[in-house]
Amino acid sequence: MWINNAYAQFGGGGADSGLSSIIMMVGMFGVLWFVMIRPQMKRQKELKAMLESVAKGDEVSTVSGMLGRVVELKDQYVTLELAPNLQVKMQKSAIAAVLPKDTLKSI
């Protein structure tokens, strides 16, 4: 009894409103995809490519802000030389950026 009154009051809510709500949801997902998901996937792909291209002798910046030169590379780990006779072993995923050559000499 209550539902019939509600449909009568608002004009039914037939197939047109169902189709328009589906189109609206698809449109919102499309906007979400291009604004949030796609750029994040692109950043992840660039980060993965950068980590794979790290080589011995590269100067890098870590997520924690330390700057160092790559001394040794293994599958998951990298050894950085932060200062003369000071080497630190850390996960490869902790590298935030590869710096231009001779950056550490100017600091």
N, C-alpha and C. Protein backbone atom coordinates (compact mmCIF):
# COMPACT_ATOMS: atom_id res chain seq x y z
N MET A 1 0.82 -1.19 0.00
CA MET A 1 0.00 0.00 0.00
C MET A 1 0.87 1.26 0.00
N TRP A 2 1.94 1.27 0.77
CA TRP A 2 2.80 2.44 0.83
C TRP A 2 3.60 2.61 -0.46
N ILE A 3 4.04 1.51 -1.04
CA ILE A 3 4.86 1.58 -2.26
C ILE A 3 4.03 2.12 -3.41
N ASN A 4 2.81 1.69 -3.53
CA ASN A 4 1.95 2.19 -4.61
C ASN A 4 1.74 3.69 -4.49
N ASN A 5 1.59 4.17 -3.29
CA ASN A 5 1.42 5.61 -3.11
C ASN A 5 2.69 6.36 -3.50
N ALA A 6 3.85 5.80 -3.18
CA ALA A 6 5.11 6.45 -3.51
C ALA A 6 5.32 6.50 -5.02
N TYR A 7 5.02 5.43 -5.72
CA TYR A 7 5.15 5.44 -7.17
C TYR A 7 4.17 6.40 -7.80
N ALA A 8 3.00 6.45 -7.29
CA ALA A 8 2.00 7.36 -7.83
C ALA A 8 2.42 8.81 -7.60
N GLN A 9 3.06 9.06 -6.50
CA GLN A 9 3.46 10.41 -6.17
C GLN A 9 4.61 10.92 -7.05
N PHE A 10 5.58 10.06 -7.36
CA PHE A 10 6.75 10.48 -8.11
C PHE A 10 6.71 10.09 -9.57
N GLY A 11 5.67 9.59 -10.06
CA GLY A 11 5.54 9.33 -11.48
C GLY A 11 6.05 7.96 -11.90
N GLY A 12 6.26 7.05 -11.01
CA GLY A 12 6.53 5.68 -11.40
C GLY A 12 7.96 5.22 -11.23
N GLY A 13 8.92 5.81 -11.87
CA GLY A 13 10.29 5.30 -11.81
C GLY A 13 10.44 4.10 -12.72
N GLY A 14 10.03 4.24 -13.94
CA GLY A 14 10.05 3.13 -14.89
C GLY A 14 11.43 2.84 -15.42
N ALA A 15 11.49 2.33 -16.64
CA ALA A 15 12.74 1.88 -17.25
C ALA A 15 13.69 3.05 -17.53
N ASP A 16 13.17 4.23 -17.77
CA ASP A 16 14.03 5.38 -18.06
C ASP A 16 14.91 5.75 -16.87
N SER A 17 14.36 5.73 -15.66
CA SER A 17 15.17 6.11 -14.51
C SER A 17 16.21 5.03 -14.20
N GLY A 18 15.90 3.76 -14.43
CA GLY A 18 16.86 2.69 -14.22
C GLY A 18 18.01 2.78 -15.19
N LEU A 19 17.71 3.07 -16.45
CA LEU A 19 18.74 3.21 -17.47
C LEU A 19 19.62 4.42 -17.20
N SER A 20 19.00 5.51 -16.80
CA SER A 20 19.79 6.72 -16.55
C SER A 20 20.70 6.54 -15.33
N SER A 21 20.26 5.81 -14.32
CA SER A 21 21.13 5.59 -13.15
C SER A 21 22.30 4.67 -13.51
N ILE A 22 22.09 3.70 -14.39
CA ILE A 22 23.18 2.84 -14.84
C ILE A 22 24.17 3.65 -15.66
N ILE A 23 23.68 4.50 -16.54
CA ILE A 23 24.56 5.36 -17.34
C ILE A 23 25.35 6.30 -16.43
N MET A 24 24.71 6.82 -15.41
CA MET A 24 25.38 7.72 -14.46
C MET A 24 26.49 6.98 -13.71
N MET A 25 26.25 5.74 -13.30
CA MET A 25 27.25 4.97 -12.58
C MET A 25 28.43 4.64 -13.48
N VAL A 26 28.17 4.29 -14.74
CA VAL A 26 29.24 4.02 -15.69
C VAL A 26 30.06 5.29 -15.94
N GLY A 27 29.39 6.41 -16.06
CA GLY A 27 30.08 7.69 -16.24
C GLY A 27 30.95 8.04 -15.05
N MET A 28 30.46 7.82 -13.84
CA MET A 28 31.24 8.11 -12.64
C MET A 28 32.46 7.19 -12.56
N PHE A 29 32.30 5.93 -12.92
CA PHE A 29 33.45 5.01 -12.94
C PHE A 29 34.47 5.46 -13.97
N GLY A 30 34.01 5.92 -15.13
CA GLY A 30 34.93 6.41 -16.16
C GLY A 30 35.73 7.61 -15.68
N VAL A 31 35.07 8.54 -15.01
CA VAL A 31 35.77 9.70 -14.45
C VAL A 31 36.76 9.25 -13.40
N LEU A 32 36.36 8.35 -12.52
CA LEU A 32 37.24 7.84 -11.48
C LEU A 32 38.45 7.16 -12.10
N TRP A 33 38.26 6.41 -13.16
CA TRP A 33 39.35 5.70 -13.84
C TRP A 33 40.39 6.69 -14.37
N PHE A 34 39.93 7.73 -15.07
CA PHE A 34 40.87 8.66 -15.69
C PHE A 34 41.48 9.66 -14.71
N VAL A 35 40.83 9.90 -13.59
CA VAL A 35 41.34 10.88 -12.63
C VAL A 35 42.22 10.24 -11.57
N MET A 36 41.91 9.01 -11.13
CA MET A 36 42.64 8.41 -10.02
C MET A 36 43.39 7.14 -10.38
N ILE A 37 42.75 6.18 -10.98
CA ILE A 37 43.33 4.86 -11.16
C ILE A 37 44.41 4.86 -12.23
N ARG A 38 44.14 5.44 -13.37
CA ARG A 38 45.09 5.43 -14.49
C ARG A 38 46.40 6.15 -14.15
N PRO A 39 46.37 7.35 -13.56
CA PRO A 39 47.64 8.00 -13.20
C PRO A 39 48.44 7.20 -12.17
N GLN A 40 47.76 6.56 -11.22
CA GLN A 40 48.46 5.75 -10.23
C GLN A 40 49.15 4.56 -10.89
N MET A 41 48.49 3.91 -11.82
CA MET A 41 49.10 2.78 -12.53
C MET A 41 50.31 3.24 -13.34
N LYS A 42 50.22 4.43 -13.93
CA LYS A 42 51.32 4.97 -14.71
C LYS A 42 52.53 5.24 -13.80
N ARG A 43 52.29 5.82 -12.61
CA ARG A 43 53.38 6.07 -11.67
C ARG A 43 54.04 4.79 -11.21
N GLN A 44 53.24 3.75 -10.95
CA GLN A 44 53.80 2.47 -10.53
C GLN A 44 54.67 1.86 -11.63
N LYS A 45 54.23 1.98 -12.87
CA LYS A 45 54.99 1.44 -13.99
C LYS A 45 56.32 2.18 -14.14
N GLU A 46 56.31 3.51 -13.98
CA GLU A 46 57.54 4.29 -14.08
C GLU A 46 58.49 3.95 -12.93
N LEU A 47 57.96 3.77 -11.73
CA LEU A 47 58.79 3.42 -10.58
C LEU A 47 59.43 2.05 -10.77
N LYS A 48 58.68 1.09 -11.28
CA LYS A 48 59.21 -0.24 -11.53
C LYS A 48 60.32 -0.19 -12.57
N ALA A 49 60.13 0.57 -13.63
CA ALA A 49 61.16 0.71 -14.67
C ALA A 49 62.41 1.38 -14.10
N MET A 50 62.23 2.38 -13.24
CA MET A 50 63.37 3.05 -12.64
C MET A 50 64.15 2.11 -11.73
N LEU A 51 63.45 1.30 -10.93
CA LEU A 51 64.12 0.36 -10.04
C LEU A 51 64.87 -0.72 -10.81
N GLU A 52 64.33 -1.15 -11.93
CA GLU A 52 65.00 -2.16 -12.75
C GLU A 52 66.23 -1.60 -13.46
N SER A 53 66.26 -0.28 -13.69
CA SER A 53 67.38 0.31 -14.41
C SER A 53 68.51 0.76 -13.48
N VAL A 54 68.34 0.66 -12.17
CA VAL A 54 69.39 1.05 -11.24
C VAL A 54 70.60 0.15 -11.45
N ALA A 55 71.77 0.77 -11.55
CA ALA A 55 73.00 0.02 -11.79
C ALA A 55 74.04 0.40 -10.75
N LYS A 56 75.07 -0.39 -10.69
CA LYS A 56 76.18 -0.14 -9.78
C LYS A 56 76.84 1.19 -10.14
N GLY A 57 77.06 2.04 -9.14
CA GLY A 57 77.67 3.34 -9.37
C GLY A 57 76.67 4.48 -9.49
N ASP A 58 75.38 4.17 -9.60
CA ASP A 58 74.36 5.22 -9.67
C ASP A 58 74.22 5.91 -8.32
N GLU A 59 73.91 7.18 -8.36
CA GLU A 59 73.65 7.94 -7.15
C GLU A 59 72.14 8.02 -6.98
N VAL A 60 71.66 7.65 -5.78
CA VAL A 60 70.23 7.54 -5.56
C VAL A 60 69.81 8.28 -4.29
N SER A 61 68.54 8.57 -4.23
CA SER A 61 67.91 9.12 -3.04
C SER A 61 66.92 8.07 -2.55
N THR A 62 66.89 7.85 -1.23
CA THR A 62 65.98 6.85 -0.69
C THR A 62 64.70 7.51 -0.20
N VAL A 63 63.74 6.69 0.15
CA VAL A 63 62.46 7.19 0.65
C VAL A 63 62.66 7.96 1.95
N SER A 64 63.64 7.56 2.75
CA SER A 64 63.89 8.23 4.03
C SER A 64 64.71 9.51 3.87
N GLY A 65 65.19 9.81 2.66
CA GLY A 65 65.91 11.04 2.41
C GLY A 65 67.42 10.89 2.38
N MET A 66 67.92 9.69 2.55
CA MET A 66 69.37 9.49 2.50
C MET A 66 69.84 9.47 1.04
N LEU A 67 71.03 10.05 0.81
CA LEU A 67 71.63 10.06 -0.51
C LEU A 67 72.85 9.17 -0.48
N GLY A 68 73.01 8.35 -1.51
CA GLY A 68 74.15 7.46 -1.53
C GLY A 68 74.45 6.94 -2.91
N ARG A 69 75.56 6.24 -3.02
CA ARG A 69 75.99 5.63 -4.28
C ARG A 69 75.81 4.12 -4.18
N VAL A 70 75.27 3.51 -5.22
CA VAL A 70 75.04 2.07 -5.23
C VAL A 70 76.37 1.36 -5.37
N VAL A 71 76.65 0.47 -4.40
CA VAL A 71 77.89 -0.29 -4.39
C VAL A 71 77.66 -1.72 -4.85
N GLU A 72 76.53 -2.28 -4.42
CA GLU A 72 76.24 -3.69 -4.73
C GLU A 72 74.75 -3.84 -4.97
N LEU A 73 74.39 -4.68 -5.94
CA LEU A 73 72.99 -4.95 -6.26
C LEU A 73 72.72 -6.43 -6.15
N LYS A 74 71.59 -6.77 -5.55
CA LYS A 74 71.08 -8.14 -5.55
C LYS A 74 69.62 -8.06 -5.96
N ASP A 75 68.93 -9.19 -5.98
CA ASP A 75 67.55 -9.20 -6.44
C ASP A 75 66.67 -8.21 -5.68
N GLN A 76 66.61 -8.35 -4.38
CA GLN A 76 65.72 -7.53 -3.56
C GLN A 76 66.45 -6.44 -2.77
N TYR A 77 67.77 -6.54 -2.69
CA TYR A 77 68.53 -5.64 -1.82
C TYR A 77 69.58 -4.87 -2.59
N VAL A 78 69.94 -3.72 -2.04
CA VAL A 78 70.96 -2.87 -2.61
C VAL A 78 71.84 -2.37 -1.46
N THR A 79 73.13 -2.25 -1.72
CA THR A 79 74.05 -1.71 -0.72
C THR A 79 74.45 -0.31 -1.18
N LEU A 80 74.22 0.68 -0.32
CA LEU A 80 74.54 2.06 -0.62
C LEU A 80 75.74 2.51 0.20
N GLU A 81 76.58 3.30 -0.42
CA GLU A 81 77.68 3.93 0.30
C GLU A 81 77.24 5.37 0.59
N LEU A 82 77.00 5.65 1.87
CA LEU A 82 76.52 6.96 2.27
C LEU A 82 77.68 7.93 2.50
N ALA A 83 78.79 7.41 2.96
CA ALA A 83 80.00 8.19 3.20
C ALA A 83 81.17 7.22 3.02
N PRO A 84 82.39 7.74 2.96
CA PRO A 84 83.52 6.81 2.86
C PRO A 84 83.53 5.84 4.05
N ASN A 85 83.65 4.56 3.75
CA ASN A 85 83.66 3.48 4.75
C ASN A 85 82.35 3.35 5.51
N LEU A 86 81.25 3.83 4.96
CA LEU A 86 79.93 3.67 5.60
C LEU A 86 78.97 3.14 4.55
N GLN A 87 78.65 1.84 4.66
CA GLN A 87 77.75 1.21 3.71
C GLN A 87 76.52 0.71 4.45
N VAL A 88 75.38 0.86 3.79
CA VAL A 88 74.10 0.45 4.36
C VAL A 88 73.40 -0.45 3.36
N LYS A 89 72.89 -1.57 3.85
CA LYS A 89 72.13 -2.49 2.99
C LYS A 89 70.64 -2.22 3.24
N MET A 90 69.89 -2.05 2.16
CA MET A 90 68.46 -1.81 2.29
C MET A 90 67.72 -2.45 1.13
N GLN A 91 66.40 -2.46 1.25
CA GLN A 91 65.59 -3.03 0.18
C GLN A 91 65.62 -2.12 -1.04
N LYS A 92 65.58 -2.74 -2.18
CA LYS A 92 65.62 -2.00 -3.44
C LYS A 92 64.41 -1.08 -3.59
N SER A 93 63.29 -1.49 -3.02
CA SER A 93 62.08 -0.68 -3.13
C SER A 93 62.15 0.61 -2.32
N ALA A 94 63.20 0.77 -1.49
CA ALA A 94 63.36 2.00 -0.70
C ALA A 94 63.98 3.12 -1.53
N ILE A 95 64.39 2.84 -2.75
CA ILE A 95 64.96 3.87 -3.62
C ILE A 95 63.82 4.71 -4.17
N ALA A 96 63.93 6.02 -3.96
CA ALA A 96 62.88 6.93 -4.42
C ALA A 96 63.21 7.53 -5.79
N ALA A 97 64.50 7.83 -6.03
CA ALA A 97 64.87 8.46 -7.29
C ALA A 97 66.33 8.20 -7.60
N VAL A 98 66.64 8.16 -8.87
CA VAL A 98 68.03 8.09 -9.32
C VAL A 98 68.45 9.52 -9.63
N LEU A 99 69.54 9.94 -9.01
CA LEU A 99 70.02 11.31 -9.15
C LEU A 99 70.94 11.44 -10.35
N PRO A 100 71.09 12.67 -10.87
CA PRO A 100 72.06 12.89 -11.95
C PRO A 100 73.48 12.62 -11.46
N LYS A 101 74.36 12.28 -12.38
CA LYS A 101 75.74 11.98 -12.03
C LYS A 101 76.39 13.17 -11.32
N ASP A 102 77.28 12.85 -10.38
CA ASP A 102 78.06 13.82 -9.61
C ASP A 102 77.20 14.75 -8.75
N THR A 103 76.02 14.33 -8.38
CA THR A 103 75.19 15.11 -7.47
C THR A 103 75.78 15.12 -6.07
N LEU A 104 76.32 13.99 -5.67
CA LEU A 104 76.84 13.87 -4.30
C LEU A 104 78.13 14.67 -4.11
N LYS A 105 78.87 14.95 -5.14
CA LYS A 105 80.09 15.74 -5.03
C LYS A 105 79.79 17.20 -4.73
N SER A 106 78.64 17.68 -5.19
CA SER A 106 78.30 19.08 -5.00
C SER A 106 77.68 19.34 -3.63
N ILE A 107 77.40 18.30 -2.88
CA ILE A 107 76.77 18.48 -1.57
C ILE A 107 77.83 18.53 -0.49
